[in-house]
Amino acid sequence: MTETVSRVPVRIPSRTGEDGLRVTDAALRKIAQFLVPEGQDKVLRIGVKPGGCSGLSYAMYIDDEVTKTDTTIERDGIRIAVDQHSLPYLKGTTLDYQDGLMESGFTFDNPNASSSCGCGNSFN
């Protein structure tokens, strides 16, 4: 079975209409592995929170609810939500998933980060 991979990432637009968070097909495939067993009423929540060695850290978790103020997208049954507080910090960011021998996991390529820690989980 051959899988078709789109070169255009899913985009979560910001409330101002500017480019928001982009999610690659590789990341969507990995997210599906977590969400599908949880059930169709689940959503992946992506955000930022205070903490980490650089000031802010990325947060990703499975959630039961979407609020009125969340920005959401859905593709192939996968729902992703970003809260209004986090979206400005994620503007222009690409969420990807790498599966390699040396490094595996989700990565955030954030053009707004003035600095980040060595592990890539926090930024300033």
PDB file of N, CA and C in Angstrom:
ATOM      1  N   MET A   1       0.839  -1.169   0.000  1.00  0.00           N
ATOM      2  CA  MET A   1       0.000   0.000   0.000  1.00  0.00           C
ATOM      3  C   MET A   1       0.888   1.236   0.000  1.00  0.00           C
ATOM      4  N   THR A   2       0.679   2.129  -0.928  1.00  0.00           N
ATOM      5  CA  THR A   2       1.465   3.346  -1.042  1.00  0.00           C
ATOM      6  C   THR A   2       0.724   4.492  -0.375  1.00  0.00           C
ATOM      7  N   GLU A   3       1.443   5.238   0.469  1.00  0.00           N
ATOM      8  CA  GLU A   3       0.831   6.364   1.170  1.00  0.00           C
ATOM      9  C   GLU A   3       1.193   7.649   0.446  1.00  0.00           C
ATOM     10  N   THR A   4       0.198   8.475   0.197  1.00  0.00           N
ATOM     11  CA  THR A   4       0.431   9.761  -0.433  1.00  0.00           C
ATOM     12  C   THR A   4       0.685  10.789   0.653  1.00  0.00           C
ATOM     13  N   VAL A   5       1.767  11.524   0.528  1.00  0.00           N
ATOM     14  CA  VAL A   5       2.114  12.545   1.514  1.00  0.00           C
ATOM     15  C   VAL A   5       2.012  13.904   0.861  1.00  0.00           C
ATOM     16  N   SER A   6       1.192  14.746   1.457  1.00  0.00           N
ATOM     17  CA  SER A   6       1.034  16.102   0.959  1.00  0.00           C
ATOM     18  C   SER A   6       2.223  16.938   1.388  1.00  0.00           C
ATOM     19  N   ARG A   7       2.681  17.810   0.542  1.00  0.00           N
ATOM     20  CA  ARG A   7       3.791  18.704   0.868  1.00  0.00           C
ATOM     21  C   ARG A   7       3.301  20.005   1.511  1.00  0.00           C
ATOM     22  N   VAL A   8       1.992  20.177   1.580  1.00  0.00           N
ATOM     23  CA  VAL A   8       1.424  21.398   2.154  1.00  0.00           C
ATOM     24  C   VAL A   8       0.983  21.096   3.573  1.00  0.00           C
ATOM     25  N   PRO A   9       1.582  21.732   4.576  1.00  0.00           N
ATOM     26  CA  PRO A   9       1.189  21.448   5.950  1.00  0.00           C
ATOM     27  C   PRO A   9      -0.186  22.012   6.271  1.00  0.00           C
ATOM     28  N   VAL A  10      -0.840  21.402   7.246  1.00  0.00           N
ATOM     29  CA  VAL A  10      -2.101  21.925   7.763  1.00  0.00           C
ATOM     30  C   VAL A  10      -1.783  23.214   8.482  1.00  0.00           C
ATOM     31  N   ARG A  11      -2.617  24.222   8.316  1.00  0.00           N
ATOM     32  CA  ARG A  11      -2.377  25.512   8.962  1.00  0.00           C
ATOM     33  C   ARG A  11      -3.505  25.833   9.926  1.00  0.00           C
ATOM     34  N   ILE A  12      -3.136  26.256  11.126  1.00  0.00           N
ATOM     35  CA  ILE A  12      -4.098  26.774  12.081  1.00  0.00           C
ATOM     36  C   ILE A  12      -3.944  28.282  12.031  1.00  0.00           C
ATOM     37  N   PRO A  13      -4.874  28.996  11.408  1.00  0.00           N
ATOM     38  CA  PRO A  13      -4.703  30.447  11.241  1.00  0.00           C
ATOM     39  C   PRO A  13      -4.833  31.182  12.570  1.00  0.00           C
ATOM     40  N   SER A  14      -4.161  32.298  12.676  1.00  0.00           N
ATOM     41  CA  SER A  14      -4.310  33.125  13.868  1.00  0.00           C
ATOM     42  C   SER A  14      -5.612  33.902  13.750  1.00  0.00           C
ATOM     43  N   ARG A  15      -6.057  34.469  14.846  1.00  0.00           N
ATOM     44  CA  ARG A  15      -7.310  35.234  14.849  1.00  0.00           C
ATOM     45  C   ARG A  15      -7.204  36.499  14.007  1.00  0.00           C
ATOM     46  N   THR A  16      -5.986  36.991  13.767  1.00  0.00           N
ATOM     47  CA  THR A  16      -5.819  38.203  12.968  1.00  0.00           C
ATOM     48  C   THR A  16      -5.711  37.886  11.486  1.00  0.00           C
ATOM     49  N   GLY A  17      -5.795  36.595  11.141  1.00  0.00           N
ATOM     50  CA  GLY A  17      -5.695  36.204   9.743  1.00  0.00           C
ATOM     51  C   GLY A  17      -4.264  35.954   9.298  1.00  0.00           C
ATOM     52  N   GLU A  18      -3.306  36.221  10.172  1.00  0.00           N
ATOM     53  CA  GLU A  18      -1.909  35.966   9.833  1.00  0.00           C
ATOM     54  C   GLU A  18      -1.644  34.471   9.949  1.00  0.00           C
ATOM     55  N   ASP A  19      -0.486  34.065   9.470  1.00  0.00           N
ATOM     56  CA  ASP A  19      -0.121  32.664   9.511  1.00  0.00           C
ATOM     57  C   ASP A  19      -0.001  32.197  10.955  1.00  0.00           C
ATOM     58  N   GLY A  20      -0.680  31.122  11.300  1.00  0.00           N
ATOM     59  CA  GLY A  20      -0.619  30.560  12.640  1.00  0.00           C
ATOM     60  C   GLY A  20       0.308  29.369  12.689  1.00  0.00           C
ATOM     61  N   LEU A  21      -0.079  28.357  13.415  1.00  0.00           N
ATOM     62  CA  LEU A  21       0.692  27.130  13.568  1.00  0.00           C
ATOM     63  C   LEU A  21       0.514  26.247  12.339  1.00  0.00           C
ATOM     64  N   ARG A  22       1.616  25.695  11.834  1.00  0.00           N
ATOM     65  CA  ARG A  22       1.579  24.738  10.730  1.00  0.00           C
ATOM     66  C   ARG A  22       1.890  23.350  11.295  1.00  0.00           C
ATOM     67  N   VAL A  23       1.180  22.336  10.817  1.00  0.00           N
ATOM     68  CA  VAL A  23       1.380  20.966  11.272  1.00  0.00           C
ATOM     69  C   VAL A  23       1.665  20.109  10.047  1.00  0.00           C
ATOM     70  N   THR A  24       2.833  19.471  10.014  1.00  0.00           N
ATOM     71  CA  THR A  24       3.225  18.663   8.856  1.00  0.00           C
ATOM     72  C   THR A  24       2.457  17.341   8.833  1.00  0.00           C
ATOM     73  N   ASP A  25       2.482  16.682   7.681  1.00  0.00           N
ATOM     74  CA  ASP A  25       1.842  15.376   7.550  1.00  0.00           C
ATOM     75  C   ASP A  25       2.480  14.347   8.476  1.00  0.00           C
ATOM     76  N   ALA A  26       3.795  14.416   8.652  1.00  0.00           N
ATOM     77  CA  ALA A  26       4.474  13.474   9.554  1.00  0.00           C
ATOM     78  C   ALA A  26       3.956  13.639  10.980  1.00  0.00           C
ATOM     79  N   ALA A  27       3.773  14.883  11.407  1.00  0.00           N
ATOM     80  CA  ALA A  27       3.239  15.136  12.746  1.00  0.00           C
ATOM     81  C   ALA A  27       1.788  14.660  12.843  1.00  0.00           C
ATOM     82  N   LEU A  28       0.994  14.911  11.802  1.00  0.00           N
ATOM     83  CA  LEU A  28      -0.402  14.458  11.815  1.00  0.00           C
ATOM     84  C   LEU A  28      -0.504  12.941  11.917  1.00  0.00           C
ATOM     85  N   ARG A  29       0.358  12.230  11.211  1.00  0.00           N
ATOM     86  CA  ARG A  29       0.337  10.764  11.281  1.00  0.00           C
ATOM     87  C   ARG A  29       0.628  10.286  12.701  1.00  0.00           C
ATOM     88  N   LYS A  30       1.599  10.914  13.362  1.00  0.00           N
ATOM     89  CA  LYS A  30       1.947  10.512  14.725  1.00  0.00           C
ATOM     90  C   LYS A  30       0.840  10.901  15.695  1.00  0.00           C
ATOM     91  N   ILE A  31       0.255  12.080  15.517  1.00  0.00           N
ATOM     92  CA  ILE A  31      -0.850  12.517  16.361  1.00  0.00           C
ATOM     93  C   ILE A  31      -2.014  11.527  16.242  1.00  0.00           C
ATOM     94  N   ALA A  32      -2.277  11.038  15.035  1.00  0.00           N
ATOM     95  CA  ALA A  32      -3.363  10.080  14.814  1.00  0.00           C
ATOM     96  C   ALA A  32      -3.145   8.813  15.636  1.00  0.00           C
ATOM     97  N   GLN A  33      -1.906   8.400  15.796  1.00  0.00           N
ATOM     98  CA  GLN A  33      -1.617   7.204  16.586  1.00  0.00           C
ATOM     99  C   GLN A  33      -2.034   7.380  18.046  1.00  0.00           C
ATOM    100  N   PHE A  34      -1.978   8.605  18.547  1.00  0.00           N
ATOM    101  CA  PHE A  34      -2.383   8.875  19.924  1.00  0.00           C
ATOM    102  C   PHE A  34      -3.893   9.103  20.046  1.00  0.00           C
ATOM    103  N   LEU A  35      -4.468   9.812  19.086  1.00  0.00           N
ATOM    104  CA  LEU A  35      -5.867  10.204  19.195  1.00  0.00           C
ATOM    105  C   LEU A  35      -6.852   9.097  18.842  1.00  0.00           C
ATOM    106  N   VAL A  36      -6.565   8.310  17.829  1.00  0.00           N
ATOM    107  CA  VAL A  36      -7.524   7.306  17.367  1.00  0.00           C
ATOM    108  C   VAL A  36      -7.906   6.336  18.487  1.00  0.00           C
ATOM    109  N   PRO A  37      -6.961   5.797  19.265  1.00  0.00           N
ATOM    110  CA  PRO A  37      -7.367   4.896  20.350  1.00  0.00           C
ATOM    111  C   PRO A  37      -8.176   5.598  21.445  1.00  0.00           C
ATOM    112  N   GLU A  38      -8.039   6.905  21.578  1.00  0.00           N
ATOM    113  CA  GLU A  38      -8.740   7.660  22.616  1.00  0.00           C
ATOM    114  C   GLU A  38     -10.212   7.897  22.287  1.00  0.00           C
ATOM    115  N   GLY A  39     -10.567   7.869  21.024  1.00  0.00           N
ATOM    116  CA  GLY A  39     -11.966   8.083  20.632  1.00  0.00           C
ATOM    117  C   GLY A  39     -12.142   9.369  19.855  1.00  0.00           C
ATOM    118  N   GLN A  40     -13.271   9.463  19.147  1.00  0.00           N
ATOM    119  CA  GLN A  40     -13.488  10.590  18.254  1.00  0.00           C
ATOM    120  C   GLN A  40     -13.818  11.889  18.957  1.00  0.00           C
ATOM    121  N   ASP A  41     -14.115  11.859  20.231  1.00  0.00           N
ATOM    122  CA  ASP A  41     -14.449  13.086  20.930  1.00  0.00           C
ATOM    123  C   ASP A  41     -13.219  13.758  21.541  1.00  0.00           C
ATOM    124  N   LYS A  42     -12.040  13.276  21.229  1.00  0.00           N
ATOM    125  CA  LYS A  42     -10.802  13.821  21.790  1.00  0.00           C
ATOM    126  C   LYS A  42     -10.151  14.802  20.820  1.00  0.00           C
ATOM    127  N   VAL A  43      -9.362  15.707  21.369  1.00  0.00           N
ATOM    128  CA  VAL A  43      -8.661  16.712  20.582  1.00  0.00           C
ATOM    129  C   VAL A  43      -7.228  16.812  21.107  1.00  0.00           C
ATOM    130  N   LEU A  44      -6.285  17.070  20.224  1.00  0.00           N
ATOM    131  CA  LEU A  44      -4.918  17.347  20.667  1.00  0.00           C
ATOM    132  C   LEU A  44      -4.825  18.841  20.924  1.00  0.00           C
ATOM    133  N   ARG A  45      -4.473  19.201  22.133  1.00  0.00           N
ATOM    134  CA  ARG A  45      -4.316  20.611  22.505  1.00  0.00           C
ATOM    135  C   ARG A  45      -2.831  20.945  22.468  1.00  0.00           C
ATOM    136  N   ILE A  46      -2.504  22.008  21.738  1.00  0.00           N
ATOM    137  CA  ILE A  46      -1.129  22.499  21.634  1.00  0.00           C
ATOM    138  C   ILE A  46      -1.100  23.906  22.194  1.00  0.00           C
ATOM    139  N   GLY A  47      -0.110  24.196  23.025  1.00  0.00           N
ATOM    140  CA  GLY A  47      -0.032  25.525  23.600  1.00  0.00           C
ATOM    141  C   GLY A  47       1.341  25.821  24.171  1.00  0.00           C
ATOM    142  N   VAL A  48       1.427  26.933  24.850  1.00  0.00           N
ATOM    143  CA  VAL A  48       2.642  27.306  25.565  1.00  0.00           C
ATOM    144  C   VAL A  48       2.256  27.625  27.003  1.00  0.00           C
ATOM    145  N   LYS A  49       3.210  27.438  27.903  1.00  0.00           N
ATOM    146  CA  LYS A  49       2.985  27.737  29.312  1.00  0.00           C
ATOM    147  C   LYS A  49       4.275  28.283  29.901  1.00  0.00           C
ATOM    148  N   PRO A  50       4.167  29.042  30.978  1.00  0.00           N
ATOM    149  CA  PRO A  50       5.382  29.540  31.634  1.00  0.00           C
ATOM    150  C   PRO A  50       6.187  28.363  32.185  1.00  0.00           C
ATOM    151  N   GLY A  51       7.500  28.464  32.052  1.00  0.00           N
ATOM    152  CA  GLY A  51       8.355  27.414  32.600  1.00  0.00           C
ATOM    153  C   GLY A  51       9.444  27.016  31.641  1.00  0.00           C
ATOM    154  N   GLY A  52      10.198  26.026  32.039  1.00  0.00           N
ATOM    155  CA  GLY A  52      11.320  25.574  31.236  1.00  0.00           C
ATOM    156  C   GLY A  52      12.518  26.459  31.479  1.00  0.00           C
ATOM    157  N   CYS A  53      13.635  26.100  30.941  1.00  0.00           N
ATOM    158  CA  CYS A  53      14.870  26.837  31.206  1.00  0.00           C
ATOM    159  C   CYS A  53      14.992  28.121  30.387  1.00  0.00           C
ATOM    160  N   SER A  54      14.082  28.334  29.421  1.00  0.00           N
ATOM    161  CA  SER A  54      14.159  29.546  28.601  1.00  0.00           C
ATOM    162  C   SER A  54      12.979  30.492  28.799  1.00  0.00           C
ATOM    163  N   GLY A  55      12.066  30.184  29.713  1.00  0.00           N
ATOM    164  CA  GLY A  55      10.965  31.099  29.993  1.00  0.00           C
ATOM    165  C   GLY A  55       9.590  30.561  29.661  1.00  0.00           C
ATOM    166  N   LEU A  56       9.414  29.983  28.469  1.00  0.00           N
ATOM    167  CA  LEU A  56       8.149  29.387  28.047  1.00  0.00           C
ATOM    168  C   LEU A  56       8.429  27.974  27.560  1.00  0.00           C
ATOM    169  N   SER A  57       7.468  27.085  27.739  1.00  0.00           N
ATOM    170  CA  SER A  57       7.649  25.736  27.216  1.00  0.00           C
ATOM    171  C   SER A  57       6.409  25.332  26.424  1.00  0.00           C
ATOM    172  N   TYR A  58       6.624  24.439  25.480  1.00  0.00           N
ATOM    173  CA  TYR A  58       5.539  23.936  24.649  1.00  0.00           C
ATOM    174  C   TYR A  58       4.749  22.898  25.442  1.00  0.00           C
ATOM    175  N   ALA A  59       3.451  22.846  25.204  1.00  0.00           N
ATOM    176  CA  ALA A  59       2.591  21.857  25.844  1.00  0.00           C
ATOM    177  C   ALA A  59       1.755  21.170  24.775  1.00  0.00           C
ATOM    178  N   MET A  60       1.657  19.855  24.876  1.00  0.00           N
ATOM    179  CA  MET A  60       0.814  19.060  23.983  1.00  0.00           C
ATOM    180  C   MET A  60       0.167  17.980  24.832  1.00  0.00           C
ATOM    181  N   TYR A  61      -1.154  17.898  24.755  1.00  0.00           N
ATOM    182  CA  TYR A  61      -1.828  16.837  25.490  1.00  0.00           C
ATOM    183  C   TYR A  61      -3.197  16.570  24.874  1.00  0.00           C
ATOM    184  N   ILE A  62      -3.738  15.404  25.171  1.00  0.00           N
ATOM    185  CA  ILE A  62      -5.052  15.024  24.683  1.00  0.00           C
ATOM    186  C   ILE A  62      -6.085  15.612  25.632  1.00  0.00           C
ATOM    187  N   ASP A  63      -7.103  16.250  25.063  1.00  0.00           N
ATOM    188  CA  ASP A  63      -8.107  16.942  25.849  1.00  0.00           C
ATOM    189  C   ASP A  63      -9.501  16.461  25.434  1.00  0.00           C
ATOM    190  N   ASP A  64     -10.472  16.676  26.326  1.00  0.00           N
ATOM    191  CA  ASP A  64     -11.852  16.284  26.057  1.00  0.00           C
ATOM    192  C   ASP A  64     -12.685  17.411  25.483  1.00  0.00           C
ATOM    193  N   GLU A  65     -12.256  18.653  25.709  1.00  0.00           N
ATOM    194  CA  GLU A  65     -13.106  19.783  25.371  1.00  0.00           C
ATOM    195  C   GLU A  65     -12.403  20.804  24.487  1.00  0.00           C
ATOM    196  N   VAL A  66     -13.204  21.486  23.686  1.00  0.00           N
ATOM    197  CA  VAL A  66     -12.770  22.640  22.913  1.00  0.00           C
ATOM    198  C   VAL A  66     -13.630  23.803  23.390  1.00  0.00           C
ATOM    199  N   THR A  67     -12.993  24.927  23.701  1.00  0.00           N
ATOM    200  CA  THR A  67     -13.743  26.096  24.166  1.00  0.00           C
ATOM    201  C   THR A  67     -14.098  27.009  22.996  1.00  0.00           C
ATOM    202  N   LYS A  68     -14.987  27.967  23.248  1.00  0.00           N
ATOM    203  CA  LYS A  68     -15.400  28.911  22.214  1.00  0.00           C
ATOM    204  C   LYS A  68     -14.239  29.763  21.717  1.00  0.00           C
ATOM    205  N   THR A  69     -13.253  29.999  22.573  1.00  0.00           N
ATOM    206  CA  THR A  69     -12.147  30.881  22.204  1.00  0.00           C
ATOM    207  C   THR A  69     -10.973  30.139  21.568  1.00  0.00           C
ATOM    208  N   ASP A  70     -11.034  28.812  21.508  1.00  0.00           N
ATOM    209  CA  ASP A  70      -9.966  28.036  20.869  1.00  0.00           C
ATOM    210  C   ASP A  70     -10.015  28.207  19.350  1.00  0.00           C
ATOM    211  N   THR A  71      -8.865  28.130  18.743  1.00  0.00           N
ATOM    212  CA  THR A  71      -8.773  28.033  17.294  1.00  0.00           C
ATOM    213  C   THR A  71      -8.517  26.565  16.997  1.00  0.00           C
ATOM    214  N   THR A  72      -9.310  25.975  16.113  1.00  0.00           N
ATOM    215  CA  THR A  72      -9.205  24.543  15.849  1.00  0.00           C
ATOM    216  C   THR A  72      -9.119  24.262  14.356  1.00  0.00           C
ATOM    217  N   ILE A  73      -8.563  23.104  14.054  1.00  0.00           N
ATOM    218  CA  ILE A  73      -8.584  22.576  12.693  1.00  0.00           C
ATOM    219  C   ILE A  73      -8.914  21.098  12.796  1.00  0.00           C
ATOM    220  N   GLU A  74      -9.409  20.544  11.711  1.00  0.00           N
ATOM    221  CA  GLU A  74      -9.660  19.116  11.650  1.00  0.00           C
ATOM    222  C   GLU A  74      -9.260  18.623  10.275  1.00  0.00           C
ATOM    223  N   ARG A  75      -8.543  17.522  10.257  1.00  0.00           N
ATOM    224  CA  ARG A  75      -8.150  16.911   8.989  1.00  0.00           C
ATOM    225  C   ARG A  75      -8.127  15.412   9.185  1.00  0.00           C
ATOM    226  N   ASP A  76      -8.793  14.700   8.318  1.00  0.00           N
ATOM    227  CA  ASP A  76      -8.854  13.242   8.370  1.00  0.00           C
ATOM    228  C   ASP A  76      -9.280  12.744   9.748  1.00  0.00           C
ATOM    229  N   GLY A  77     -10.197  13.465  10.399  1.00  0.00           N
ATOM    230  CA  GLY A  77     -10.696  13.060  11.699  1.00  0.00           C
ATOM    231  C   GLY A  77      -9.814  13.447  12.876  1.00  0.00           C
ATOM    232  N   ILE A  78      -8.686  14.083  12.613  1.00  0.00           N
ATOM    233  CA  ILE A  78      -7.774  14.522  13.674  1.00  0.00           C
ATOM    234  C   ILE A  78      -8.100  15.970  13.995  1.00  0.00           C
ATOM    235  N   ARG A  79      -8.434  16.241  15.253  1.00  0.00           N
ATOM    236  CA  ARG A  79      -8.740  17.609  15.674  1.00  0.00           C
ATOM    237  C   ARG A  79      -7.603  18.148  16.532  1.00  0.00           C
ATOM    238  N   ILE A  80      -7.199  19.396  16.242  1.00  0.00           N
ATOM    239  CA  ILE A  80      -6.149  20.079  16.985  1.00  0.00           C
ATOM    240  C   ILE A  80      -6.703  21.423  17.438  1.00  0.00           C
ATOM    241  N   ALA A  81      -6.455  21.771  18.694  1.00  0.00           N
ATOM    242  CA  ALA A  81      -6.937  23.039  19.242  1.00  0.00           C
ATOM    243  C   ALA A  81      -5.763  23.813  19.841  1.00  0.00           C
ATOM    244  N   VAL A  82      -5.806  25.143  19.666  1.00  0.00           N
ATOM    245  CA  VAL A  82      -4.828  26.049  20.264  1.00  0.00           C
ATOM    246  C   VAL A  82      -5.612  27.148  20.971  1.00  0.00           C
ATOM    247  N   ASP A  83      -5.268  27.421  22.238  1.00  0.00           N
ATOM    248  CA  ASP A  83      -5.979  28.462  22.976  1.00  0.00           C
ATOM    249  C   ASP A  83      -5.520  29.839  22.507  1.00  0.00           C
ATOM    250  N   GLN A  84      -6.354  30.846  22.749  1.00  0.00           N
ATOM    251  CA  GLN A  84      -6.069  32.192  22.247  1.00  0.00           C
ATOM    252  C   GLN A  84      -4.833  32.806  22.879  1.00  0.00           C
ATOM    253  N   HIS A  85      -4.459  32.410  24.084  1.00  0.00           N
ATOM    254  CA  HIS A  85      -3.251  32.928  24.720  1.00  0.00           C
ATOM    255  C   HIS A  85      -1.993  32.410  24.021  1.00  0.00           C
ATOM    256  N   SER A  86      -2.011  31.144  23.615  1.00  0.00           N
ATOM    257  CA  SER A  86      -0.823  30.508  23.027  1.00  0.00           C
ATOM    258  C   SER A  86      -0.599  30.850  21.566  1.00  0.00           C
ATOM    259  N   LEU A  87      -1.679  31.104  20.834  1.00  0.00           N
ATOM    260  CA  LEU A  87      -1.568  31.272  19.383  1.00  0.00           C
ATOM    261  C   LEU A  87      -0.573  32.357  18.953  1.00  0.00           C
ATOM    262  N   PRO A  88      -0.522  33.534  19.594  1.00  0.00           N
ATOM    263  CA  PRO A  88       0.480  34.526  19.159  1.00  0.00           C
ATOM    264  C   PRO A  88       1.927  34.040  19.296  1.00  0.00           C
ATOM    265  N   TYR A  89       2.200  33.221  20.304  1.00  0.00           N
ATOM    266  CA  TYR A  89       3.554  32.679  20.491  1.00  0.00           C
ATOM    267  C   TYR A  89       3.897  31.627  19.442  1.00  0.00           C
ATOM    268  N   LEU A  90       2.868  31.029  18.853  1.00  0.00           N
ATOM    269  CA  LEU A  90       3.072  29.961  17.878  1.00  0.00           C
ATOM    270  C   LEU A  90       2.933  30.437  16.438  1.00  0.00           C
ATOM    271  N   LYS A  91       2.710  31.745  16.241  1.00  0.00           N
ATOM    272  CA  LYS A  91       2.529  32.308  14.897  1.00  0.00           C
ATOM    273  C   LYS A  91       3.736  31.971  14.019  1.00  0.00           C
ATOM    274  N   GLY A  92       3.481  31.312  12.901  1.00  0.00           N
ATOM    275  CA  GLY A  92       4.540  30.955  11.964  1.00  0.00           C
ATOM    276  C   GLY A  92       5.323  29.712  12.332  1.00  0.00           C
ATOM    277  N   THR A  93       4.970  29.069  13.443  1.00  0.00           N
ATOM    278  CA  THR A  93       5.680  27.879  13.919  1.00  0.00           C
ATOM    279  C   THR A  93       5.253  26.653  13.132  1.00  0.00           C
ATOM    280  N   THR A  94       6.196  25.748  12.876  1.00  0.00           N
ATOM    281  CA  THR A  94       5.888  24.479  12.239  1.00  0.00           C
ATOM    282  C   THR A  94       6.105  23.354  13.240  1.00  0.00           C
ATOM    283  N   LEU A  95       5.061  22.537  13.443  1.00  0.00           N
ATOM    284  CA  LEU A  95       5.156  21.337  14.264  1.00  0.00           C
ATOM    285  C   LEU A  95       5.432  20.176  13.330  1.00  0.00           C
ATOM    286  N   ASP A  96       6.516  19.456  13.590  1.00  0.00           N
ATOM    287  CA  ASP A  96       6.914  18.329  12.750  1.00  0.00           C
ATOM    288  C   ASP A  96       7.178  17.134  13.653  1.00  0.00           C
ATOM    289  N   TYR A  97       7.310  15.969  13.051  1.00  0.00           N
ATOM    290  CA  TYR A  97       7.698  14.770  13.786  1.00  0.00           C
ATOM    291  C   TYR A  97       8.837  14.107  13.041  1.00  0.00           C
ATOM    292  N   GLN A  98       9.901  13.833  13.752  1.00  0.00           N
ATOM    293  CA  GLN A  98      11.070  13.157  13.181  1.00  0.00           C
ATOM    294  C   GLN A  98      11.185  11.784  13.827  1.00  0.00           C
ATOM    295  N   ASP A  99      11.477  10.778  13.033  1.00  0.00           N
ATOM    296  CA  ASP A  99      11.635   9.424  13.548  1.00  0.00           C
ATOM    297  C   ASP A  99      12.956   8.883  13.023  1.00  0.00           C
ATOM    298  N   GLY A 100      14.010   9.102  13.799  1.00  0.00           N
ATOM    299  CA  GLY A 100      15.332   8.682  13.358  1.00  0.00           C
ATOM    300  C   GLY A 100      16.064   7.898  14.420  1.00  0.00           C
ATOM    301  N   LEU A 101      17.252   7.455  14.088  1.00  0.00           N
ATOM    302  CA  LEU A 101      18.053   6.687  15.037  1.00  0.00           C
ATOM    303  C   LEU A 101      18.585   7.551  16.175  1.00  0.00           C
ATOM    304  N   MET A 102      19.013   8.760  15.855  1.00  0.00           N
ATOM    305  CA  MET A 102      19.606   9.627  16.869  1.00  0.00           C
ATOM    306  C   MET A 102      18.572  10.484  17.588  1.00  0.00           C
ATOM    307  N   GLU A 103      17.589  10.954  16.856  1.00  0.00           N
ATOM    308  CA  GLU A 103      16.576  11.819  17.449  1.00  0.00           C
ATOM    309  C   GLU A 103      15.205  11.430  16.933  1.00  0.00           C
ATOM    310  N   SER A 104      14.256  11.315  17.847  1.00  0.00           N
ATOM    311  CA  SER A 104      12.871  11.042  17.489  1.00  0.00           C
ATOM    312  C   SER A 104      11.982  11.919  18.338  1.00  0.00           C
ATOM    313  N   GLY A 105      10.878  12.339  17.758  1.00  0.00           N
ATOM    314  CA  GLY A 105       9.904  13.097  18.522  1.00  0.00           C
ATOM    315  C   GLY A 105       9.388  14.308  17.772  1.00  0.00           C
ATOM    316  N   PHE A 106       8.487  15.006  18.436  1.00  0.00           N
ATOM    317  CA  PHE A 106       7.921  16.221  17.877  1.00  0.00           C
ATOM    318  C   PHE A 106       8.920  17.361  17.997  1.00  0.00           C
ATOM    319  N   THR A 107       8.953  18.201  16.975  1.00  0.00           N
ATOM    320  CA  THR A 107       9.817  19.377  16.999  1.00  0.00           C
ATOM    321  C   THR A 107       8.998  20.613  16.636  1.00  0.00           C
ATOM    322  N   PHE A 108       9.339  21.715  17.277  1.00  0.00           N
ATOM    323  CA  PHE A 108       8.719  23.004  16.984  1.00  0.00           C
ATOM    324  C   PHE A 108       9.778  23.895  16.361  1.00  0.00           C
ATOM    325  N   ASP A 109       9.531  24.351  15.145  1.00  0.00           N
ATOM    326  CA  ASP A 109      10.408  25.320  14.491  1.00  0.00           C
ATOM    327  C   ASP A 109       9.695  26.663  14.600  1.00  0.00           C
ATOM    328  N   ASN A 110      10.114  27.461  15.599  1.00  0.00           N
ATOM    329  CA  ASN A 110       9.425  28.696  15.941  1.00  0.00           C
ATOM    330  C   ASN A 110      10.274  29.904  15.556  1.00  0.00           C
ATOM    331  N   PRO A 111       9.878  30.657  14.527  1.00  0.00           N
ATOM    332  CA  PRO A 111      10.661  31.820  14.102  1.00  0.00           C
ATOM    333  C   PRO A 111      10.583  32.986  15.094  1.00  0.00           C
ATOM    334  N   ASN A 112       9.659  32.924  16.057  1.00  0.00           N
ATOM    335  CA  ASN A 112       9.504  33.989  17.044  1.00  0.00           C
ATOM    336  C   ASN A 112      10.422  33.821  18.247  1.00  0.00           C
ATOM    337  N   ALA A 113      11.011  32.661  18.402  1.00  0.00           N
ATOM    338  CA  ALA A 113      11.840  32.395  19.575  1.00  0.00           C
ATOM    339  C   ALA A 113      13.169  33.116  19.448  1.00  0.00           C
ATOM    340  N   SER A 114      13.466  33.970  20.424  1.00  0.00           N
ATOM    341  CA  SER A 114      14.750  34.661  20.416  1.00  0.00           C
ATOM    342  C   SER A 114      15.857  33.754  20.944  1.00  0.00           C
ATOM    343  N   SER A 115      15.495  32.773  21.765  1.00  0.00           N
ATOM    344  CA  SER A 115      16.442  31.751  22.228  1.00  0.00           C
ATOM    345  C   SER A 115      15.652  30.523  22.619  1.00  0.00           C
ATOM    346  N   SER A 116      16.327  29.392  22.677  1.00  0.00           N
ATOM    347  CA  SER A 116      15.680  28.164  23.102  1.00  0.00           C
ATOM    348  C   SER A 116      16.706  27.311  23.833  1.00  0.00           C
ATOM    349  N   CYS A 117      16.202  26.356  24.592  1.00  0.00           N
ATOM    350  CA  CYS A 117      17.111  25.479  25.337  1.00  0.00           C
ATOM    351  C   CYS A 117      17.623  24.376  24.431  1.00  0.00           C
ATOM    352  N   GLY A 118      18.586  23.643  24.906  1.00  0.00           N
ATOM    353  CA  GLY A 118      19.185  22.578  24.109  1.00  0.00           C
ATOM    354  C   GLY A 118      18.218  21.456  23.759  1.00  0.00           C
ATOM    355  N   CYS A 119      17.237  21.192  24.620  1.00  0.00           N
ATOM    356  CA  CYS A 119      16.313  20.097  24.356  1.00  0.00           C
ATOM    357  C   CYS A 119      15.200  20.493  23.393  1.00  0.00           C
ATOM    358  N   GLY A 120      15.022  21.796  23.155  1.00  0.00           N
ATOM    359  CA  GLY A 120      14.001  22.263  22.207  1.00  0.00           C
ATOM    360  C   GLY A 120      12.602  22.334  22.781  1.00  0.00           C
ATOM    361  N   ASN A 121      12.461  22.088  24.094  1.00  0.00           N
ATOM    362  CA  ASN A 121      11.128  22.115  24.706  1.00  0.00           C
ATOM    363  C   ASN A 121      10.759  23.460  25.292  1.00  0.00           C
ATOM    364  N   SER A 122      11.701  24.374  25.402  1.00  0.00           N
ATOM    365  CA  SER A 122      11.355  25.688  25.926  1.00  0.00           C
ATOM    366  C   SER A 122      12.022  26.768  25.084  1.00  0.00           C
ATOM    367  N   PHE A 123      11.463  27.982  25.169  1.00  0.00           N
ATOM    368  CA  PHE A 123      11.956  29.084  24.350  1.00  0.00           C
ATOM    369  C   PHE A 123      11.673  30.393  25.036  1.00  0.00           C
ATOM    370  N   ASN A 124      12.270  31.452  24.499  1.00  0.00           N
ATOM    371  CA  ASN A 124      12.078  32.797  25.028  1.00  0.00           C
ATOM    372  C   ASN A 124      11.639  33.683  23.874  1.00  0.00           C
TER     373      ASN A 124
END
